[in-house]
């Protein structure tokens, strides 16, 4: 008689490692994510990586702050910010990281610092 063991995280066992998804499946998952978020502000750039991750880059403008917060809220994540540089100068990096169907998703934007008023 063959015994079948199912994974139960409650028994303290480690989840079996799944093989990485092919790039086509990552692209299909990304398309599904974008369709599910069709009513949210859309990113300006998308990267899909064989590291099983997707990057959603939003425009370097103040409106992207609210956009990323809305994405974070929709997918159960928190948005974080920290000061940082980019090729255009100082500003704030805003990011939200969440999992979507086993794909690590990062929504992010670099919001340039506004010039000081005189």
PDB file of N, CA and C in Angstrom:
ATOM      1  N   UNK A   1       0.848  -1.182   0.000  1.00  0.00           N
ATOM      2  CA  UNK A   1       0.000   0.000   0.000  1.00  0.00           C
ATOM      3  C   UNK A   1       0.887   1.236   0.000  1.00  0.00           C
ATOM      4  N   UNK A   2       0.556   2.183  -0.836  1.00  0.00           N
ATOM      5  CA  UNK A   2       1.318   3.415  -0.949  1.00  0.00           C
ATOM      6  C   UNK A   2       0.720   4.468  -0.030  1.00  0.00           C
ATOM      7  N   UNK A   3       1.598   5.132   0.678  1.00  0.00           N
ATOM      8  CA  UNK A   3       1.125   6.192   1.565  1.00  0.00           C
ATOM      9  C   UNK A   3       1.385   7.534   0.896  1.00  0.00           C
ATOM     10  N   UNK A   4       0.434   8.417   0.993  1.00  0.00           N
ATOM     11  CA  UNK A   4       0.563   9.763   0.428  1.00  0.00           C
ATOM     12  C   UNK A   4       0.699  10.741   1.571  1.00  0.00           C
ATOM     13  N   UNK A   5       1.781  11.520   1.515  1.00  0.00           N
ATOM     14  CA  UNK A   5       1.994  12.536   2.546  1.00  0.00           C
ATOM     15  C   UNK A   5       1.690  13.902   1.953  1.00  0.00           C
ATOM     16  N   UNK A   6       0.817  14.628   2.594  1.00  0.00           N
ATOM     17  CA  UNK A   6       0.529  15.992   2.152  1.00  0.00           C
ATOM     18  C   UNK A   6       1.267  16.962   3.061  1.00  0.00           C
ATOM     19  N   UNK A   7       1.672  18.058   2.516  1.00  0.00           N
ATOM     20  CA  UNK A   7       2.391  19.068   3.278  1.00  0.00           C
ATOM     21  C   UNK A   7       1.437  19.786   4.220  1.00  0.00           C
ATOM     22  N   UNK A   8       1.809  19.823   5.477  1.00  0.00           N
ATOM     23  CA  UNK A   8       1.024  20.526   6.490  1.00  0.00           C
ATOM     24  C   UNK A   8       1.982  21.406   7.281  1.00  0.00           C
ATOM     25  N   UNK A   9       1.915  22.754   7.115  1.00  0.00           N
ATOM     26  CA  UNK A   9       2.844  23.627   7.828  1.00  0.00           C
ATOM     27  C   UNK A   9       2.693  23.528   9.342  1.00  0.00           C
ATOM     28  N   UNK A  10       1.556  23.061   9.816  1.00  0.00           N
ATOM     29  CA  UNK A  10       1.334  22.956  11.255  1.00  0.00           C
ATOM     30  C   UNK A  10       2.218  21.883  11.885  1.00  0.00           C
ATOM     31  N   UNK A  11       2.672  20.890  11.102  1.00  0.00           N
ATOM     32  CA  UNK A  11       3.501  19.837  11.685  1.00  0.00           C
ATOM     33  C   UNK A  11       4.980  20.223  11.751  1.00  0.00           C
ATOM     34  N   UNK A  12       5.312  21.458  11.354  1.00  0.00           N
ATOM     35  CA  UNK A  12       6.678  21.955  11.462  1.00  0.00           C
ATOM     36  C   UNK A  12       7.561  21.566  10.293  1.00  0.00           C
ATOM     37  N   UNK A  13       7.017  20.878   9.318  1.00  0.00           N
ATOM     38  CA  UNK A  13       7.812  20.471   8.162  1.00  0.00           C
ATOM     39  C   UNK A  13       8.094  21.671   7.269  1.00  0.00           C
ATOM     40  N   UNK A  14       9.153  21.565   6.530  1.00  0.00           N
ATOM     41  CA  UNK A  14       9.519  22.612   5.587  1.00  0.00           C
ATOM     42  C   UNK A  14       8.830  22.310   4.260  1.00  0.00           C
ATOM     43  N   UNK A  15       8.276  23.343   3.647  1.00  0.00           N
ATOM     44  CA  UNK A  15       7.600  23.183   2.368  1.00  0.00           C
ATOM     45  C   UNK A  15       8.577  22.680   1.315  1.00  0.00           C
ATOM     46  N   UNK A  16       8.139  21.731   0.494  1.00  0.00           N
ATOM     47  CA  UNK A  16       9.037  21.279  -0.574  1.00  0.00           C
ATOM     48  C   UNK A  16       9.310  22.423  -1.548  1.00  0.00           C
ATOM     49  N   UNK A  17      10.533  22.486  -2.030  1.00  0.00           N
ATOM     50  CA  UNK A  17      10.931  23.544  -2.959  1.00  0.00           C
ATOM     51  C   UNK A  17      10.303  23.295  -4.324  1.00  0.00           C
ATOM     52  N   UNK A  18       9.610  24.272  -4.820  1.00  0.00           N
ATOM     53  CA  UNK A  18       9.009  24.156  -6.141  1.00  0.00           C
ATOM     54  C   UNK A  18       9.986  24.666  -7.194  1.00  0.00           C
ATOM     55  N   UNK A  19       9.958  24.086  -8.387  1.00  0.00           N
ATOM     56  CA  UNK A  19      10.850  24.594  -9.442  1.00  0.00           C
ATOM     57  C   UNK A  19      10.412  25.984  -9.875  1.00  0.00           C
ATOM     58  N   UNK A  20      11.344  26.794 -10.383  1.00  0.00           N
ATOM     59  CA  UNK A  20      10.967  28.141 -10.828  1.00  0.00           C
ATOM     60  C   UNK A  20      10.000  28.089 -12.002  1.00  0.00           C
ATOM     61  N   UNK A  21       9.139  29.090 -12.049  1.00  0.00           N
ATOM     62  CA  UNK A  21       8.206  29.195 -13.173  1.00  0.00           C
ATOM     63  C   UNK A  21       8.943  29.651 -14.426  1.00  0.00           C
ATOM     64  N   UNK A  22       8.573  29.122 -15.584  1.00  0.00           N
ATOM     65  CA  UNK A  22       9.168  29.623 -16.835  1.00  0.00           C
ATOM     66  C   UNK A  22       8.748  31.080 -17.056  1.00  0.00           C
ATOM     67  N   UNK A  23       9.549  31.814 -17.816  1.00  0.00           N
ATOM     68  CA  UNK A  23       9.301  33.241 -18.057  1.00  0.00           C
ATOM     69  C   UNK A  23       7.909  33.470 -18.645  1.00  0.00           C
ATOM     70  N   UNK A  24       7.425  32.567 -19.481  1.00  0.00           N
ATOM     71  CA  UNK A  24       6.084  32.708 -20.061  1.00  0.00           C
ATOM     72  C   UNK A  24       4.998  32.688 -19.001  1.00  0.00           C
ATOM     73  N   UNK A  25       5.169  31.833 -17.992  1.00  0.00           N
ATOM     74  CA  UNK A  25       4.187  31.792 -16.903  1.00  0.00           C
ATOM     75  C   UNK A  25       4.257  33.057 -16.055  1.00  0.00           C
ATOM     76  N   UNK A  26       5.486  33.560 -15.860  1.00  0.00           N
ATOM     77  CA  UNK A  26       5.632  34.824 -15.129  1.00  0.00           C
ATOM     78  C   UNK A  26       4.946  35.959 -15.880  1.00  0.00           C
ATOM     79  N   UNK A  27       5.106  35.977 -17.209  1.00  0.00           N
ATOM     80  CA  UNK A  27       4.459  37.018 -18.023  1.00  0.00           C
ATOM     81  C   UNK A  27       2.941  36.883 -17.961  1.00  0.00           C
ATOM     82  N   UNK A  28       2.438  35.644 -18.015  1.00  0.00           N
ATOM     83  CA  UNK A  28       0.990  35.431 -17.931  1.00  0.00           C
ATOM     84  C   UNK A  28       0.470  35.846 -16.557  1.00  0.00           C
ATOM     85  N   UNK A  29       1.222  35.535 -15.504  1.00  0.00           N
ATOM     86  CA  UNK A  29       0.824  35.955 -14.158  1.00  0.00           C
ATOM     87  C   UNK A  29       0.821  37.463 -14.020  1.00  0.00           C
ATOM     88  N   UNK A  30       1.797  38.111 -14.656  1.00  0.00           N
ATOM     89  CA  UNK A  30       1.862  39.580 -14.623  1.00  0.00           C
ATOM     90  C   UNK A  30       0.672  40.184 -15.355  1.00  0.00           C
ATOM     91  N   UNK A  31       0.315  39.598 -16.491  1.00  0.00           N
ATOM     92  CA  UNK A  31      -0.861  40.081 -17.236  1.00  0.00           C
ATOM     93  C   UNK A  31      -2.126  39.918 -16.399  1.00  0.00           C
ATOM     94  N   UNK A  32      -2.231  38.809 -15.681  1.00  0.00           N
ATOM     95  CA  UNK A  32      -3.391  38.574 -14.815  1.00  0.00           C
ATOM     96  C   UNK A  32      -3.414  39.598 -13.674  1.00  0.00           C
ATOM     97  N   UNK A  33      -2.252  39.886 -13.105  1.00  0.00           N
ATOM     98  CA  UNK A  33      -2.147  40.900 -12.053  1.00  0.00           C
ATOM     99  C   UNK A  33      -2.618  42.254 -12.566  1.00  0.00           C
ATOM    100  N   UNK A  34      -2.155  42.646 -13.748  1.00  0.00           N
ATOM    101  CA  UNK A  34      -2.547  43.939 -14.308  1.00  0.00           C
ATOM    102  C   UNK A  34      -4.036  43.988 -14.618  1.00  0.00           C
ATOM    103  N   UNK A  35      -4.583  42.867 -15.053  1.00  0.00           N
ATOM    104  CA  UNK A  35      -6.024  42.821 -15.319  1.00  0.00           C
ATOM    105  C   UNK A  35      -6.812  42.965 -14.022  1.00  0.00           C
ATOM    106  N   UNK A  36      -6.344  42.301 -12.963  1.00  0.00           N
ATOM    107  CA  UNK A  36      -7.026  42.395 -11.672  1.00  0.00           C
ATOM    108  C   UNK A  36      -6.933  43.812 -11.105  1.00  0.00           C
ATOM    109  N   UNK A  37      -5.906  44.558 -11.494  1.00  0.00           N
ATOM    110  CA  UNK A  37      -5.705  45.918 -10.991  1.00  0.00           C
ATOM    111  C   UNK A  37      -6.015  46.962 -12.066  1.00  0.00           C
ATOM    112  N   UNK A  38      -6.863  46.626 -13.013  1.00  0.00           N
ATOM    113  CA  UNK A  38      -7.158  47.529 -14.134  1.00  0.00           C
ATOM    114  C   UNK A  38      -7.740  48.865 -13.684  1.00  0.00           C
ATOM    115  N   UNK A  39      -8.381  48.885 -12.524  1.00  0.00           N
ATOM    116  CA  UNK A  39      -8.977  50.128 -12.032  1.00  0.00           C
ATOM    117  C   UNK A  39      -7.995  50.968 -11.214  1.00  0.00           C
ATOM    118  N   UNK A  40      -6.758  50.493 -11.055  1.00  0.00           N
ATOM    119  CA  UNK A  40      -5.733  51.239 -10.325  1.00  0.00           C
ATOM    120  C   UNK A  40      -4.841  51.988 -11.317  1.00  0.00           C
ATOM    121  N   UNK A  41      -4.118  53.006 -10.843  1.00  0.00           N
ATOM    122  CA  UNK A  41      -3.145  53.656 -11.722  1.00  0.00           C
ATOM    123  C   UNK A  41      -2.136  52.614 -12.210  1.00  0.00           C
ATOM    124  N   UNK A  42      -1.777  52.672 -13.464  1.00  0.00           N
ATOM    125  CA  UNK A  42      -0.903  51.662 -14.052  1.00  0.00           C
ATOM    126  C   UNK A  42       0.560  52.108 -14.034  1.00  0.00           C
ATOM    127  N   UNK A  43       1.470  51.143 -13.900  1.00  0.00           N
ATOM    128  CA  UNK A  43       2.895  51.481 -13.906  1.00  0.00           C
ATOM    129  C   UNK A  43       3.343  51.951 -15.286  1.00  0.00           C
ATOM    130  N   UNK A  44       4.466  52.653 -15.299  1.00  0.00           N
ATOM    131  CA  UNK A  44       5.031  53.137 -16.559  1.00  0.00           C
ATOM    132  C   UNK A  44       6.020  52.146 -17.144  1.00  0.00           C
ATOM    133  N   UNK A  45       6.525  51.243 -16.304  1.00  0.00           N
ATOM    134  CA  UNK A  45       7.529  50.276 -16.741  1.00  0.00           C
ATOM    135  C   UNK A  45       7.329  49.002 -15.938  1.00  0.00           C
ATOM    136  N   UNK A  46       7.454  47.852 -16.602  1.00  0.00           N
ATOM    137  CA  UNK A  46       7.317  46.553 -15.941  1.00  0.00           C
ATOM    138  C   UNK A  46       8.534  45.719 -16.278  1.00  0.00           C
ATOM    139  N   UNK A  47       9.113  45.085 -15.260  1.00  0.00           N
ATOM    140  CA  UNK A  47      10.200  44.147 -15.502  1.00  0.00           C
ATOM    141  C   UNK A  47       9.793  42.781 -14.965  1.00  0.00           C
ATOM    142  N   UNK A  48      10.107  41.746 -15.721  1.00  0.00           N
ATOM    143  CA  UNK A  48       9.816  40.370 -15.329  1.00  0.00           C
ATOM    144  C   UNK A  48      11.150  39.645 -15.295  1.00  0.00           C
ATOM    145  N   UNK A  49      11.459  39.031 -14.171  1.00  0.00           N
ATOM    146  CA  UNK A  49      12.773  38.428 -13.989  1.00  0.00           C
ATOM    147  C   UNK A  49      12.667  36.933 -13.698  1.00  0.00           C
ATOM    148  N   UNK A  50      13.636  36.188 -14.160  1.00  0.00           N
ATOM    149  CA  UNK A  50      13.705  34.756 -13.869  1.00  0.00           C
ATOM    150  C   UNK A  50      13.941  34.494 -12.382  1.00  0.00           C
ATOM    151  N   UNK A  51      14.173  35.539 -11.602  1.00  0.00           N
ATOM    152  CA  UNK A  51      14.300  35.383 -10.151  1.00  0.00           C
ATOM    153  C   UNK A  51      12.921  35.258  -9.506  1.00  0.00           C
ATOM    154  N   UNK A  52      11.899  35.036 -10.358  1.00  0.00           N
ATOM    155  CA  UNK A  52      10.521  34.872  -9.907  1.00  0.00           C
ATOM    156  C   UNK A  52       9.973  36.160  -9.314  1.00  0.00           C
ATOM    157  N   UNK A  53      10.373  37.272  -9.923  1.00  0.00           N
ATOM    158  CA  UNK A  53       9.925  38.568  -9.423  1.00  0.00           C
ATOM    159  C   UNK A  53       9.491  39.472 -10.570  1.00  0.00           C
ATOM    160  N   UNK A  54       8.631  40.413 -10.203  1.00  0.00           N
ATOM    161  CA  UNK A  54       8.115  41.403 -11.144  1.00  0.00           C
ATOM    162  C   UNK A  54       8.289  42.775 -10.505  1.00  0.00           C
ATOM    163  N   UNK A  55       8.784  43.727 -11.274  1.00  0.00           N
ATOM    164  CA  UNK A  55       8.907  45.102 -10.812  1.00  0.00           C
ATOM    165  C   UNK A  55       7.917  45.980 -11.549  1.00  0.00           C
ATOM    166  N   UNK A  56       7.197  46.783 -10.807  1.00  0.00           N
ATOM    167  CA  UNK A  56       6.242  47.737 -11.367  1.00  0.00           C
ATOM    168  C   UNK A  56       6.760  49.136 -11.038  1.00  0.00           C
ATOM    169  N   UNK A  57       7.321  49.807 -12.020  1.00  0.00           N
ATOM    170  CA  UNK A  57       7.883  51.136 -11.784  1.00  0.00           C
ATOM    171  C   UNK A  57       6.857  52.198 -12.160  1.00  0.00           C
ATOM    172  N   UNK A  58       6.636  53.111 -11.236  1.00  0.00           N
ATOM    173  CA  UNK A  58       5.706  54.212 -11.463  1.00  0.00           C
ATOM    174  C   UNK A  58       6.499  55.483 -11.770  1.00  0.00           C
ATOM    175  N   UNK A  59       5.832  56.429 -12.369  1.00  0.00           N
ATOM    176  CA  UNK A  59       6.465  57.670 -12.815  1.00  0.00           C
ATOM    177  C   UNK A  59       7.089  58.426 -11.641  1.00  0.00           C
ATOM    178  N   UNK A  60       8.171  59.168 -11.910  1.00  0.00           N
ATOM    179  CA  UNK A  60       8.819  59.953 -10.863  1.00  0.00           C
ATOM    180  C   UNK A  60       8.065  61.258 -10.606  1.00  0.00           C
ATOM    181  N   UNK A  61       6.870  61.113 -10.054  1.00  0.00           N
ATOM    182  CA  UNK A  61       6.029  62.280  -9.780  1.00  0.00           C
ATOM    183  C   UNK A  61       5.223  62.035  -8.508  1.00  0.00           C
ATOM    184  N   UNK A  62       4.752  63.086  -7.904  1.00  0.00           N
ATOM    185  CA  UNK A  62       4.040  63.012  -6.633  1.00  0.00           C
ATOM    186  C   UNK A  62       2.802  62.105  -6.707  1.00  0.00           C
ATOM    187  N   UNK A  63       2.125  62.060  -7.846  1.00  0.00           N
ATOM    188  CA  UNK A  63       0.921  61.228  -7.979  1.00  0.00           C
ATOM    189  C   UNK A  63       1.224  59.743  -7.782  1.00  0.00           C
ATOM    190  N   UNK A  64       2.473  59.340  -7.981  1.00  0.00           N
ATOM    191  CA  UNK A  64       2.842  57.929  -7.812  1.00  0.00           C
ATOM    192  C   UNK A  64       2.791  57.489  -6.355  1.00  0.00           C
ATOM    193  N   UNK A  65       2.913  58.423  -5.425  1.00  0.00           N
ATOM    194  CA  UNK A  65       2.804  58.077  -4.005  1.00  0.00           C
ATOM    195  C   UNK A  65       1.440  57.450  -3.746  1.00  0.00           C
ATOM    196  N   UNK A  66       0.394  58.127  -4.140  1.00  0.00           N
ATOM    197  CA  UNK A  66      -0.964  57.614  -3.936  1.00  0.00           C
ATOM    198  C   UNK A  66      -1.195  56.344  -4.749  1.00  0.00           C
ATOM    199  N   UNK A  67      -0.626  56.269  -5.944  1.00  0.00           N
ATOM    200  CA  UNK A  67      -0.788  55.075  -6.781  1.00  0.00           C
ATOM    201  C   UNK A  67      -0.216  53.845  -6.084  1.00  0.00           C
ATOM    202  N   UNK A  68       0.985  53.950  -5.550  1.00  0.00           N
ATOM    203  CA  UNK A  68       1.619  52.815  -4.883  1.00  0.00           C
ATOM    204  C   UNK A  68       0.885  52.453  -3.603  1.00  0.00           C
ATOM    205  N   UNK A  69       0.406  53.444  -2.886  1.00  0.00           N
ATOM    206  CA  UNK A  69      -0.381  53.165  -1.680  1.00  0.00           C
ATOM    207  C   UNK A  69      -1.650  52.391  -2.040  1.00  0.00           C
ATOM    208  N   UNK A  70      -2.284  52.753  -3.142  1.00  0.00           N
ATOM    209  CA  UNK A  70      -3.483  52.033  -3.576  1.00  0.00           C
ATOM    210  C   UNK A  70      -3.163  50.594  -3.966  1.00  0.00           C
ATOM    211  N   UNK A  71      -2.045  50.368  -4.677  1.00  0.00           N
ATOM    212  CA  UNK A  71      -1.625  49.010  -5.020  1.00  0.00           C
ATOM    213  C   UNK A  71      -1.338  48.212  -3.749  1.00  0.00           C
ATOM    214  N   UNK A  72      -0.635  48.830  -2.804  1.00  0.00           N
ATOM    215  CA  UNK A  72      -0.314  48.146  -1.545  1.00  0.00           C
ATOM    216  C   UNK A  72      -1.592  47.740  -0.821  1.00  0.00           C
ATOM    217  N   UNK A  73      -2.524  48.650  -0.734  1.00  0.00           N
ATOM    218  CA  UNK A  73      -3.784  48.363  -0.053  1.00  0.00           C
ATOM    219  C   UNK A  73      -4.531  47.224  -0.743  1.00  0.00           C
ATOM    220  N   UNK A  74      -4.604  47.250  -2.064  1.00  0.00           N
ATOM    221  CA  UNK A  74      -5.318  46.223  -2.826  1.00  0.00           C
ATOM    222  C   UNK A  74      -4.744  44.831  -2.588  1.00  0.00           C
ATOM    223  N   UNK A  75      -3.400  44.744  -2.489  1.00  0.00           N
ATOM    224  CA  UNK A  75      -2.755  43.432  -2.410  1.00  0.00           C
ATOM    225  C   UNK A  75      -2.196  43.114  -1.023  1.00  0.00           C
ATOM    226  N   UNK A  76      -2.707  43.830  -0.006  1.00  0.00           N
ATOM    227  CA  UNK A  76      -2.388  43.488   1.381  1.00  0.00           C
ATOM    228  C   UNK A  76      -0.962  43.773   1.806  1.00  0.00           C
ATOM    229  N   UNK A  77      -0.376  44.810   1.271  1.00  0.00           N
ATOM    230  CA  UNK A  77       1.005  45.156   1.611  1.00  0.00           C
ATOM    231  C   UNK A  77       1.051  46.516   2.290  1.00  0.00           C
ATOM    232  N   UNK A  78       2.211  46.859   2.771  1.00  0.00           N
ATOM    233  CA  UNK A  78       2.462  48.189   3.308  1.00  0.00           C
ATOM    234  C   UNK A  78       3.403  48.911   2.364  1.00  0.00           C
ATOM    235  N   UNK A  79       3.231  50.197   2.253  1.00  0.00           N
ATOM    236  CA  UNK A  79       4.149  51.015   1.460  1.00  0.00           C
ATOM    237  C   UNK A  79       5.205  51.581   2.402  1.00  0.00           C
ATOM    238  N   UNK A  80       6.442  51.566   1.957  1.00  0.00           N
ATOM    239  CA  UNK A  80       7.530  52.137   2.746  1.00  0.00           C
ATOM    240  C   UNK A  80       8.243  53.196   1.921  1.00  0.00           C
ATOM    241  N   UNK A  81       8.887  54.115   2.610  1.00  0.00           N
ATOM    242  CA  UNK A  81       9.651  55.148   1.906  1.00  0.00           C
ATOM    243  C   UNK A  81      10.962  55.376   2.627  1.00  0.00           C
ATOM    244  N   UNK A  82      11.939  55.797   1.850  1.00  0.00           N
ATOM    245  CA  UNK A  82      13.218  56.180   2.433  1.00  0.00           C
ATOM    246  C   UNK A  82      13.913  57.142   1.486  1.00  0.00           C
ATOM    247  N   UNK A  83      14.664  58.095   2.045  1.00  0.00           N
ATOM    248  CA  UNK A  83      15.373  59.032   1.197  1.00  0.00           C
ATOM    249  C   UNK A  83      16.435  58.292   0.382  1.00  0.00           C
ATOM    250  N   UNK A  84      16.670  58.774  -0.817  1.00  0.00           N
ATOM    251  CA  UNK A  84      17.692  58.147  -1.642  1.00  0.00           C
ATOM    252  C   UNK A  84      17.913  58.892  -2.943  1.00  0.00           C
ATOM    253  N   UNK A  85      19.013  58.579  -3.553  1.00  0.00           N
ATOM    254  CA  UNK A  85      19.413  59.203  -4.815  1.00  0.00           C
ATOM    255  C   UNK A  85      19.000  58.328  -5.996  1.00  0.00           C
ATOM    256  N   UNK A  86      18.862  58.957  -7.130  1.00  0.00           N
ATOM    257  CA  UNK A  86      18.782  58.252  -8.402  1.00  0.00           C
ATOM    258  C   UNK A  86      19.572  59.094  -9.395  1.00  0.00           C
ATOM    259  N   UNK A  87      19.609  58.713 -10.644  1.00  0.00           N
ATOM    260  CA  UNK A  87      20.399  59.459 -11.628  1.00  0.00           C
ATOM    261  C   UNK A  87      19.919  60.898 -11.807  1.00  0.00           C
ATOM    262  N   UNK A  88      18.704  61.206 -11.347  1.00  0.00           N
ATOM    263  CA  UNK A  88      18.175  62.565 -11.476  1.00  0.00           C
ATOM    264  C   UNK A  88      18.357  63.394 -10.211  1.00  0.00           C
ATOM    265  N   UNK A  89      18.980  62.796  -9.190  1.00  0.00           N
ATOM    266  CA  UNK A  89      19.239  63.548  -7.972  1.00  0.00           C
ATOM    267  C   UNK A  89      18.534  62.982  -6.756  1.00  0.00           C
ATOM    268  N   UNK A  90      18.472  63.774  -5.674  1.00  0.00           N
ATOM    269  CA  UNK A  90      17.888  63.299  -4.424  1.00  0.00           C
ATOM    270  C   UNK A  90      16.367  63.225  -4.493  1.00  0.00           C
ATOM    271  N   UNK A  91      15.831  62.433  -3.606  1.00  0.00           N
ATOM    272  CA  UNK A  91      14.384  62.292  -3.537  1.00  0.00           C
ATOM    273  C   UNK A  91      14.021  61.218  -2.535  1.00  0.00           C
ATOM    274  N   UNK A  92      12.880  60.606  -2.743  1.00  0.00           N
ATOM    275  CA  UNK A  92      12.390  59.554  -1.858  1.00  0.00           C
ATOM    276  C   UNK A  92      12.046  58.326  -2.677  1.00  0.00           C
ATOM    277  N   UNK A  93      12.541  57.167  -2.245  1.00  0.00           N
ATOM    278  CA  UNK A  93      12.149  55.886  -2.842  1.00  0.00           C
ATOM    279  C   UNK A  93      10.926  55.385  -2.101  1.00  0.00           C
ATOM    280  N   UNK A  94       9.888  55.119  -2.829  1.00  0.00           N
ATOM    281  CA  UNK A  94       8.655  54.572  -2.258  1.00  0.00           C
ATOM    282  C   UNK A  94       8.487  53.186  -2.843  1.00  0.00           C
ATOM    283  N   UNK A  95       8.127  52.207  -1.985  1.00  0.00           N
ATOM    284  CA  UNK A  95       7.960  50.856  -2.489  1.00  0.00           C
ATOM    285  C   UNK A  95       6.931  50.078  -1.687  1.00  0.00           C
ATOM    286  N   UNK A  96       6.295  49.142  -2.376  1.00  0.00           N
ATOM    287  CA  UNK A  96       5.389  48.185  -1.743  1.00  0.00           C
ATOM    288  C   UNK A  96       5.739  46.819  -2.309  1.00  0.00           C
ATOM    289  N   UNK A  97       5.907  45.842  -1.434  1.00  0.00           N
ATOM    290  CA  UNK A  97       6.256  44.491  -1.864  1.00  0.00           C
ATOM    291  C   UNK A  97       5.148  43.540  -1.435  1.00  0.00           C
ATOM    292  N   UNK A  98       4.720  42.681  -2.372  1.00  0.00           N
ATOM    293  CA  UNK A  98       3.685  41.709  -2.063  1.00  0.00           C
ATOM    294  C   UNK A  98       3.847  40.491  -2.951  1.00  0.00           C
ATOM    295  N   UNK A  99       3.156  39.434  -2.582  1.00  0.00           N
ATOM    296  CA  UNK A  99       3.180  38.191  -3.338  1.00  0.00           C
ATOM    297  C   UNK A  99       1.900  38.096  -4.157  1.00  0.00           C
ATOM    298  N   UNK A 100       2.039  37.709  -5.416  1.00  0.00           N
ATOM    299  CA  UNK A 100       0.871  37.489  -6.260  1.00  0.00           C
ATOM    300  C   UNK A 100       1.032  36.128  -6.933  1.00  0.00           C
ATOM    301  N   UNK A 101       0.261  35.157  -6.499  1.00  0.00           N
ATOM    302  CA  UNK A 101       0.290  33.801  -7.070  1.00  0.00           C
ATOM    303  C   UNK A 101       1.702  33.228  -7.099  1.00  0.00           C
ATOM    304  N   UNK A 102       2.457  33.441  -6.036  1.00  0.00           N
ATOM    305  CA  UNK A 102       3.808  32.902  -5.946  1.00  0.00           C
ATOM    306  C   UNK A 102       4.872  33.750  -6.600  1.00  0.00           C
ATOM    307  N   UNK A 103       4.506  34.910  -7.121  1.00  0.00           N
ATOM    308  CA  UNK A 103       5.460  35.817  -7.760  1.00  0.00           C
ATOM    309  C   UNK A 103       5.695  36.990  -6.810  1.00  0.00           C
ATOM    310  N   UNK A 104       6.964  37.297  -6.543  1.00  0.00           N
ATOM    311  CA  UNK A 104       7.302  38.449  -5.706  1.00  0.00           C
ATOM    312  C   UNK A 104       7.159  39.719  -6.540  1.00  0.00           C
ATOM    313  N   UNK A 105       6.293  40.610  -6.101  1.00  0.00           N
ATOM    314  CA  UNK A 105       6.019  41.844  -6.846  1.00  0.00           C
ATOM    315  C   UNK A 105       6.501  43.037  -6.027  1.00  0.00           C
ATOM    316  N   UNK A 106       7.194  43.948  -6.686  1.00  0.00           N
ATOM    317  CA  UNK A 106       7.595  45.203  -6.057  1.00  0.00           C
ATOM    318  C   UNK A 106       7.066  46.349  -6.901  1.00  0.00           C
ATOM    319  N   UNK A 107       6.232  47.188  -6.305  1.00  0.00           N
ATOM    320  CA  UNK A 107       5.766  48.427  -6.935  1.00  0.00           C
ATOM    321  C   UNK A 107       6.632  49.538  -6.342  1.00  0.00           C
ATOM    322  N   UNK A 108       7.213  50.371  -7.197  1.00  0.00           N
ATOM    323  CA  UNK A 108       8.141  51.368  -6.675  1.00  0.00           C
ATOM    324  C   UNK A 108       8.193  52.612  -7.549  1.00  0.00           C
ATOM    325  N   UNK A 109       8.703  53.675  -6.941  1.00  0.00           N
ATOM    326  CA  UNK A 109       8.922  54.936  -7.663  1.00  0.00           C
ATOM    327  C   UNK A 109       9.959  55.746  -6.896  1.00  0.00           C
ATOM    328  N   UNK A 110      10.702  56.543  -7.631  1.00  0.00           N
ATOM    329  CA  UNK A 110      11.603  57.522  -7.016  1.00  0.00           C
ATOM    330  C   UNK A 110      10.938  58.880  -7.231  1.00  0.00           C
ATOM    331  N   UNK A 111      10.567  59.511  -6.133  1.00  0.00           N
ATOM    332  CA  UNK A 111       9.906  60.814  -6.197  1.00  0.00           C
ATOM    333  C   UNK A 111      10.979  61.879  -5.953  1.00  0.00           C
ATOM    334  N   UNK A 112      11.287  62.688  -6.958  1.00  0.00           N
ATOM    335  CA  UNK A 112      12.337  63.704  -6.783  1.00  0.00           C
ATOM    336  C   UNK A 112      11.989  64.703  -5.682  1.00  0.00           C
ATOM    337  N   UNK A 113      13.031  65.162  -5.027  1.00  0.00           N
ATOM    338  CA  UNK A 113      12.853  66.190  -3.999  1.00  0.00           C
ATOM    339  C   UNK A 113      12.361  67.467  -4.671  1.00  0.00           C
ATOM    340  N   UNK A 114      11.453  68.147  -4.011  1.00  0.00           N
ATOM    341  CA  UNK A 114      10.962  69.411  -4.571  1.00  0.00           C
ATOM    342  C   UNK A 114      11.938  70.522  -4.151  1.00  0.00           C
ATOM    343  N   UNK A 115      12.186  71.463  -5.036  1.00  0.00           N
ATOM    344  CA  UNK A 115      13.095  72.561  -4.677  1.00  0.00           C
ATOM    345  C   UNK A 115      12.551  73.336  -3.477  1.00  0.00           C
ATOM    346  N   UNK A 116      13.458  73.780  -2.645  1.00  0.00           N
ATOM    347  CA  UNK A 116      13.070  74.578  -1.475  1.00  0.00           C
ATOM    348  C   UNK A 116      12.522  75.926  -1.932  1.00  0.00           C
ATOM    349  N   UNK A 117      11.490  76.375  -1.259  1.00  0.00           N
ATOM    350  CA  UNK A 117      10.916  77.695  -1.563  1.00  0.00           C
ATOM    351  C   UNK A 117      11.822  78.781  -1.015  1.00  0.00           C
ATOM    352  N   UNK A 118      11.840  79.884  -1.720  1.00  0.00           N
ATOM    353  CA  UNK A 118      12.675  81.015  -1.219  1.00  0.00           C
ATOM    354  C   UNK A 118      11.799  82.142  -0.801  1.00  0.00           C
TER     355      UNK A 118
END
